[in-house]
Every structure is written in structure tokens, then in C-alpha cells.
Amino acid sequence: MLSNIGVPGLIIILVIALVIFGPSKLPEIGKSFGSSLKEFKNATKDIMSDDESDKKDKNDKSSN
């Protein structure tokens, strides 16, 4: 879905966001979006590492 947007679409979205939120709120919104994305990536990484450790524990127990 998002792969079909392209550069002109992103520019239009940014202009609309600038009109709606104004130039003073845009950096604040970008910062909060970036921190949310970072937190989501960290949580996803933790879940993946937990799954890998669970699989490793199961393999260790089954080989004994």
C-alpha cells in the first residue's frame, strides 16, 4: 500500500501536514513519531530474541 505513494505523494502529504498542524508543531510531531518507531523496533527485536532463545532451549532439551 505505501510502496505506491512515491516522491510526489510524500511531498503532498508533508504539505497537507504543514497546513493542518503548522510549522511550530511539525518538529514535535516528528520527534514523537520517531521515538514511537524506535520503541516499536526495540520491542519487536526483544520479541524476536525471546522466540529464538525459546527455540534454542527446546532444541537443547530435546537433544538430552
PDB file of N, CA and C in Angstrom:
ATOM      1  N   MET A   1       0.826  -1.187   0.000  1.00  0.00           N
ATOM      2  CA  MET A   1       0.000   0.000   0.000  1.00  0.00           C
ATOM      3  C   MET A   1       0.872   1.253   0.000  1.00  0.00           C
ATOM      4  N   LEU A   2       1.825   1.343   0.902  1.00  0.00           N
ATOM      5  CA  LEU A   2       2.658   2.531   0.975  1.00  0.00           C
ATOM      6  C   LEU A   2       3.719   2.572  -0.121  1.00  0.00           C
ATOM      7  N   SER A   3       3.981   1.453  -0.767  1.00  0.00           N
ATOM      8  CA  SER A   3       5.005   1.437  -1.805  1.00  0.00           C
ATOM      9  C   SER A   3       4.543   2.157  -3.069  1.00  0.00           C
ATOM     10  N   ASN A   4       3.268   2.435  -3.191  1.00  0.00           N
ATOM     11  CA  ASN A   4       2.733   3.099  -4.385  1.00  0.00           C
ATOM     12  C   ASN A   4       2.685   4.615  -4.252  1.00  0.00           C
ATOM     13  N   ILE A   5       3.114   5.168  -3.129  1.00  0.00           N
ATOM     14  CA  ILE A   5       2.987   6.614  -2.904  1.00  0.00           C
ATOM     15  C   ILE A   5       3.969   7.394  -3.768  1.00  0.00           C
ATOM     16  N   GLY A   6       5.244   7.127  -3.649  1.00  0.00           N
ATOM     17  CA  GLY A   6       6.252   7.834  -4.434  1.00  0.00           C
ATOM     18  C   GLY A   6       6.595   9.190  -3.839  1.00  0.00           C
ATOM     19  N   VAL A   7       7.541   9.865  -4.489  1.00  0.00           N
ATOM     20  CA  VAL A   7       8.023  11.164  -4.004  1.00  0.00           C
ATOM     21  C   VAL A   7       6.951  12.255  -4.101  1.00  0.00           C
ATOM     22  N   PRO A   8       6.246  12.387  -5.216  1.00  0.00           N
ATOM     23  CA  PRO A   8       5.209  13.446  -5.265  1.00  0.00           C
ATOM     24  C   PRO A   8       4.128  13.261  -4.206  1.00  0.00           C
ATOM     25  N   GLY A   9       3.757  12.017  -3.930  1.00  0.00           N
ATOM     26  CA  GLY A   9       2.757  11.757  -2.902  1.00  0.00           C
ATOM     27  C   GLY A   9       3.244  12.141  -1.523  1.00  0.00           C
ATOM     28  N   LEU A  10       4.519  11.854  -1.238  1.00  0.00           N
ATOM     29  CA  LEU A  10       5.088  12.232   0.054  1.00  0.00           C
ATOM     30  C   LEU A  10       5.138  13.742   0.217  1.00  0.00           C
ATOM     31  N   ILE A  11       5.470  14.445  -0.858  1.00  0.00           N
ATOM     32  CA  ILE A  11       5.509  15.911  -0.796  1.00  0.00           C
ATOM     33  C   ILE A  11       4.118  16.470  -0.512  1.00  0.00           C
ATOM     34  N   ILE A  12       3.116  15.914  -1.162  1.00  0.00           N
ATOM     35  CA  ILE A  12       1.740  16.370  -0.930  1.00  0.00           C
ATOM     36  C   ILE A  12       1.332  16.105   0.519  1.00  0.00           C
ATOM     37  N   ILE A  13       1.663  14.928   1.043  1.00  0.00           N
ATOM     38  CA  ILE A  13       1.327  14.593   2.429  1.00  0.00           C
ATOM     39  C   ILE A  13       2.018  15.556   3.395  1.00  0.00           C
ATOM     40  N   LEU A  14       3.293  15.874   3.136  1.00  0.00           N
ATOM     41  CA  LEU A  14       4.010  16.812   4.007  1.00  0.00           C
ATOM     42  C   LEU A  14       3.417  18.214   3.957  1.00  0.00           C
ATOM     43  N   VAL A  15       3.005  18.661   2.775  1.00  0.00           N
ATOM     44  CA  VAL A  15       2.389  19.989   2.651  1.00  0.00           C
ATOM     45  C   VAL A  15       1.059  20.027   3.399  1.00  0.00           C
ATOM     46  N   ILE A  16       0.267  18.970   3.272  1.00  0.00           N
ATOM     47  CA  ILE A  16      -1.018  18.917   3.995  1.00  0.00           C
ATOM     48  C   ILE A  16      -0.780  18.914   5.496  1.00  0.00           C
ATOM     49  N   ALA A  17       0.221  18.142   5.957  1.00  0.00           N
ATOM     50  CA  ALA A  17       0.534  18.122   7.391  1.00  0.00           C
ATOM     51  C   ALA A  17       0.988  19.495   7.868  1.00  0.00           C
ATOM     52  N   LEU A  18       1.772  20.186   7.034  1.00  0.00           N
ATOM     53  CA  LEU A  18       2.230  21.529   7.392  1.00  0.00           C
ATOM     54  C   LEU A  18       1.063  22.497   7.513  1.00  0.00           C
ATOM     55  N   VAL A  19       0.098  22.395   6.615  1.00  0.00           N
ATOM     56  CA  VAL A  19      -1.071  23.280   6.666  1.00  0.00           C
ATOM     57  C   VAL A  19      -1.934  22.966   7.882  1.00  0.00           C
ATOM     58  N   ILE A  20      -2.122  21.668   8.167  1.00  0.00           N
ATOM     59  CA  ILE A  20      -3.005  21.279   9.273  1.00  0.00           C
ATOM     60  C   ILE A  20      -2.379  21.612  10.623  1.00  0.00           C
ATOM     61  N   PHE A  21      -1.123  21.212  10.835  1.00  0.00           N
ATOM     62  CA  PHE A  21      -0.506  21.339  12.154  1.00  0.00           C
ATOM     63  C   PHE A  21       0.286  22.614  12.343  1.00  0.00           C
ATOM     64  N   GLY A  22       0.721  23.231  11.269  1.00  0.00           N
ATOM     65  CA  GLY A  22       1.514  24.450  11.379  1.00  0.00           C
ATOM     66  C   GLY A  22       2.985  24.147  11.580  1.00  0.00           C
ATOM     67  N   PRO A  23       3.831  25.110  11.280  1.00  0.00           N
ATOM     68  CA  PRO A  23       5.283  24.870  11.346  1.00  0.00           C
ATOM     69  C   PRO A  23       5.822  24.690  12.759  1.00  0.00           C
ATOM     70  N   SER A  24       5.117  25.172  13.767  1.00  0.00           N
ATOM     71  CA  SER A  24       5.636  25.047  15.133  1.00  0.00           C
ATOM     72  C   SER A  24       5.407  23.651  15.703  1.00  0.00           C
ATOM     73  N   LYS A  25       4.353  22.972  15.299  1.00  0.00           N
ATOM     74  CA  LYS A  25       4.032  21.649  15.833  1.00  0.00           C
ATOM     75  C   LYS A  25       4.687  20.521  15.052  1.00  0.00           C
ATOM     76  N   LEU A  26       5.096  20.764  13.812  1.00  0.00           N
ATOM     77  CA  LEU A  26       5.629  19.693  12.965  1.00  0.00           C
ATOM     78  C   LEU A  26       6.884  19.044  13.541  1.00  0.00           C
ATOM     79  N   PRO A  27       7.871  19.775  14.051  1.00  0.00           N
ATOM     80  CA  PRO A  27       9.036  19.095  14.651  1.00  0.00           C
ATOM     81  C   PRO A  27       8.677  18.252  15.871  1.00  0.00           C
ATOM     82  N   GLU A  28       7.748  18.729  16.662  1.00  0.00           N
ATOM     83  CA  GLU A  28       7.306  17.979  17.840  1.00  0.00           C
ATOM     84  C   GLU A  28       6.630  16.670  17.427  1.00  0.00           C
ATOM     85  N   ILE A  29       5.803  16.733  16.406  1.00  0.00           N
ATOM     86  CA  ILE A  29       5.129  15.537  15.905  1.00  0.00           C
ATOM     87  C   ILE A  29       6.150  14.559  15.322  1.00  0.00           C
ATOM     88  N   GLY A  30       7.120  15.073  14.583  1.00  0.00           N
ATOM     89  CA  GLY A  30       8.164  14.219  14.017  1.00  0.00           C
ATOM     90  C   GLY A  30       8.991  13.543  15.090  1.00  0.00           C
ATOM     91  N   LYS A  31       9.304  14.268  16.150  1.00  0.00           N
ATOM     92  CA  LYS A  31      10.085  13.704  17.251  1.00  0.00           C
ATOM     93  C   LYS A  31       9.303  12.602  17.955  1.00  0.00           C
ATOM     94  N   SER A  32       8.031  12.831  18.214  1.00  0.00           N
ATOM     95  CA  SER A  32       7.224  11.811  18.885  1.00  0.00           C
ATOM     96  C   SER A  32       7.022  10.592  17.988  1.00  0.00           C
ATOM     97  N   PHE A  33       6.871  10.813  16.683  1.00  0.00           N
ATOM     98  CA  PHE A  33       6.737   9.686  15.755  1.00  0.00           C
ATOM     99  C   PHE A  33       8.029   8.881  15.710  1.00  0.00           C
ATOM    100  N   GLY A  34       9.153   9.550  15.691  1.00  0.00           N
ATOM    101  CA  GLY A  34      10.446   8.864  15.671  1.00  0.00           C
ATOM    102  C   GLY A  34      10.688   8.055  16.932  1.00  0.00           C
ATOM    103  N   SER A  35      10.346   8.617  18.084  1.00  0.00           N
ATOM    104  CA  SER A  35      10.533   7.869  19.333  1.00  0.00           C
ATOM    105  C   SER A  35       9.573   6.684  19.409  1.00  0.00           C
ATOM    106  N   SER A  36       8.367   6.838  18.893  1.00  0.00           N
ATOM    107  CA  SER A  36       7.425   5.719  18.864  1.00  0.00           C
ATOM    108  C   SER A  36       7.929   4.608  17.956  1.00  0.00           C
ATOM    109  N   LEU A  37       8.478   4.987  16.804  1.00  0.00           N
ATOM    110  CA  LEU A  37       9.013   3.998  15.881  1.00  0.00           C
ATOM    111  C   LEU A  37      10.213   3.270  16.485  1.00  0.00           C
ATOM    112  N   LYS A  38      11.070   3.996  17.188  1.00  0.00           N
ATOM    113  CA  LYS A  38      12.232   3.392  17.841  1.00  0.00           C
ATOM    114  C   LYS A  38      11.789   2.402  18.915  1.00  0.00           C
ATOM    115  N   GLU A  39      10.792   2.780  19.706  1.00  0.00           N
ATOM    116  CA  GLU A  39      10.281   1.898  20.748  1.00  0.00           C
ATOM    117  C   GLU A  39       9.662   0.640  20.141  1.00  0.00           C
ATOM    118  N   PHE A  40       8.931   0.795  19.040  1.00  0.00           N
ATOM    119  CA  PHE A  40       8.328  -0.349  18.362  1.00  0.00           C
ATOM    120  C   PHE A  40       9.394  -1.295  17.834  1.00  0.00           C
ATOM    121  N   LYS A  41      10.458  -0.749  17.237  1.00  0.00           N
ATOM    122  CA  LYS A  41      11.538  -1.586  16.723  1.00  0.00           C
ATOM    123  C   LYS A  41      12.243  -2.332  17.843  1.00  0.00           C
ATOM    124  N   ASN A  42      12.472  -1.675  18.979  1.00  0.00           N
ATOM    125  CA  ASN A  42      13.102  -2.334  20.114  1.00  0.00           C
ATOM    126  C   ASN A  42      12.227  -3.456  20.669  1.00  0.00           C
ATOM    127  N   ALA A  43      10.925  -3.215  20.762  1.00  0.00           N
ATOM    128  CA  ALA A  43      10.011  -4.245  21.257  1.00  0.00           C
ATOM    129  C   ALA A  43       9.979  -5.431  20.301  1.00  0.00           C
ATOM    130  N   THR A  44       9.974  -5.156  19.003  1.00  0.00           N
ATOM    131  CA  THR A  44       9.981  -6.232  18.016  1.00  0.00           C
ATOM    132  C   THR A  44      11.263  -7.037  18.109  1.00  0.00           C
ATOM    133  N   LYS A  45      12.384  -6.351  18.288  1.00  0.00           N
ATOM    134  CA  LYS A  45      13.670  -7.031  18.423  1.00  0.00           C
ATOM    135  C   LYS A  45      13.681  -7.912  19.669  1.00  0.00           C
ATOM    136  N   ASP A  46      13.115  -7.437  20.768  1.00  0.00           N
ATOM    137  CA  ASP A  46      13.051  -8.223  22.000  1.00  0.00           C
ATOM    138  C   ASP A  46      12.192  -9.476  21.808  1.00  0.00           C
ATOM    139  N   ILE A  47      11.067  -9.321  21.128  1.00  0.00           N
ATOM    140  CA  ILE A  47      10.186 -10.468  20.886  1.00  0.00           C
ATOM    141  C   ILE A  47      10.898 -11.509  20.030  1.00  0.00           C
ATOM    142  N   MET A  48      11.599 -11.046  19.003  1.00  0.00           N
ATOM    143  CA  MET A  48      12.317 -11.981  18.130  1.00  0.00           C
ATOM    144  C   MET A  48      13.424 -12.699  18.890  1.00  0.00           C
ATOM    145  N   SER A  49      14.146 -12.003  19.752  1.00  0.00           N
ATOM    146  CA  SER A  49      15.221 -12.644  20.516  1.00  0.00           C
ATOM    147  C   SER A  49      14.645 -13.630  21.538  1.00  0.00           C
ATOM    148  N   ASP A  50      13.485 -13.315  22.112  1.00  0.00           N
ATOM    149  CA  ASP A  50      12.828 -14.250  23.030  1.00  0.00           C
ATOM    150  C   ASP A  50      12.414 -15.522  22.298  1.00  0.00           C
ATOM    151  N   ASP A  51      11.883 -15.381  21.091  1.00  0.00           N
ATOM    152  CA  ASP A  51      11.488 -16.549  20.301  1.00  0.00           C
ATOM    153  C   ASP A  51      12.694 -17.413  19.962  1.00  0.00           C
ATOM    154  N   GLU A  52      13.795 -16.780  19.595  1.00  0.00           N
ATOM    155  CA  GLU A  52      14.994 -17.529  19.252  1.00  0.00           C
ATOM    156  C   GLU A  52      15.546 -18.265  20.458  1.00  0.00           C
ATOM    157  N   SER A  53      15.519 -17.627  21.625  1.00  0.00           N
ATOM    158  CA  SER A  53      16.026 -18.289  22.830  1.00  0.00           C
ATOM    159  C   SER A  53      15.106 -19.443  23.235  1.00  0.00           C
ATOM    160  N   ASP A  54      13.789 -19.293  23.035  1.00  0.00           N
ATOM    161  CA  ASP A  54      12.862 -20.379  23.336  1.00  0.00           C
ATOM    162  C   ASP A  54      13.107 -21.568  22.423  1.00  0.00           C
ATOM    163  N   LYS A  55      13.344 -21.311  21.149  1.00  0.00           N
ATOM    164  CA  LYS A  55      13.629 -22.394  20.206  1.00  0.00           C
ATOM    165  C   LYS A  55      14.931 -23.092  20.576  1.00  0.00           C
ATOM    166  N   LYS A  56      15.921 -22.319  20.980  1.00  0.00           N
ATOM    167  CA  LYS A  56      17.206 -22.896  21.361  1.00  0.00           C
ATOM    168  C   LYS A  56      17.044 -23.767  22.607  1.00  0.00           C
ATOM    169  N   ASP A  57      16.251 -23.290  23.586  1.00  0.00           N
ATOM    170  CA  ASP A  57      16.025 -24.066  24.795  1.00  0.00           C
ATOM    171  C   ASP A  57      15.303 -25.370  24.471  1.00  0.00           C
ATOM    172  N   LYS A  58      14.331 -25.329  23.565  1.00  0.00           N
ATOM    173  CA  LYS A  58      13.606 -26.548  23.189  1.00  0.00           C
ATOM    174  C   LYS A  58      14.547 -27.534  22.510  1.00  0.00           C
ATOM    175  N   ASN A  59      15.417 -27.053  21.638  1.00  0.00           N
ATOM    176  CA  ASN A  59      16.358 -27.934  20.951  1.00  0.00           C
ATOM    177  C   ASN A  59      17.348 -28.545  21.931  1.00  0.00           C
ATOM    178  N   ASP A  60      17.786 -27.777  22.918  1.00  0.00           N
ATOM    179  CA  ASP A  60      18.716 -28.294  23.917  1.00  0.00           C
ATOM    180  C   ASP A  60      18.054 -29.378  24.772  1.00  0.00           C
ATOM    181  N   LYS A  61      16.808 -29.174  25.148  1.00  0.00           N
ATOM    182  CA  LYS A  61      16.101 -30.144  25.968  1.00  0.00           C
ATOM    183  C   LYS A  61      15.788 -31.429  25.196  1.00  0.00           C
ATOM    184  N   SER A  62      15.454 -31.299  23.916  1.00  0.00           N
ATOM    185  CA  SER A  62      15.111 -32.484  23.125  1.00  0.00           C
ATOM    186  C   SER A  62      16.327 -33.327  22.781  1.00  0.00           C
ATOM    187  N   SER A  63      17.504 -32.705  22.733  1.00  0.00           N
ATOM    188  CA  SER A  63      18.711 -33.466  22.405  1.00  0.00           C
ATOM    189  C   SER A  63      19.260 -34.199  23.622  1.00  0.00           C
ATOM    190  N   ASN A  64      18.809 -33.833  24.825  1.00  0.00           N
ATOM    191  CA  ASN A  64      19.294 -34.508  26.034  1.00  0.00           C
ATOM    192  C   ASN A  64      18.523 -35.728  26.326  1.00  0.00           C
TER     193      ASN A  64
END
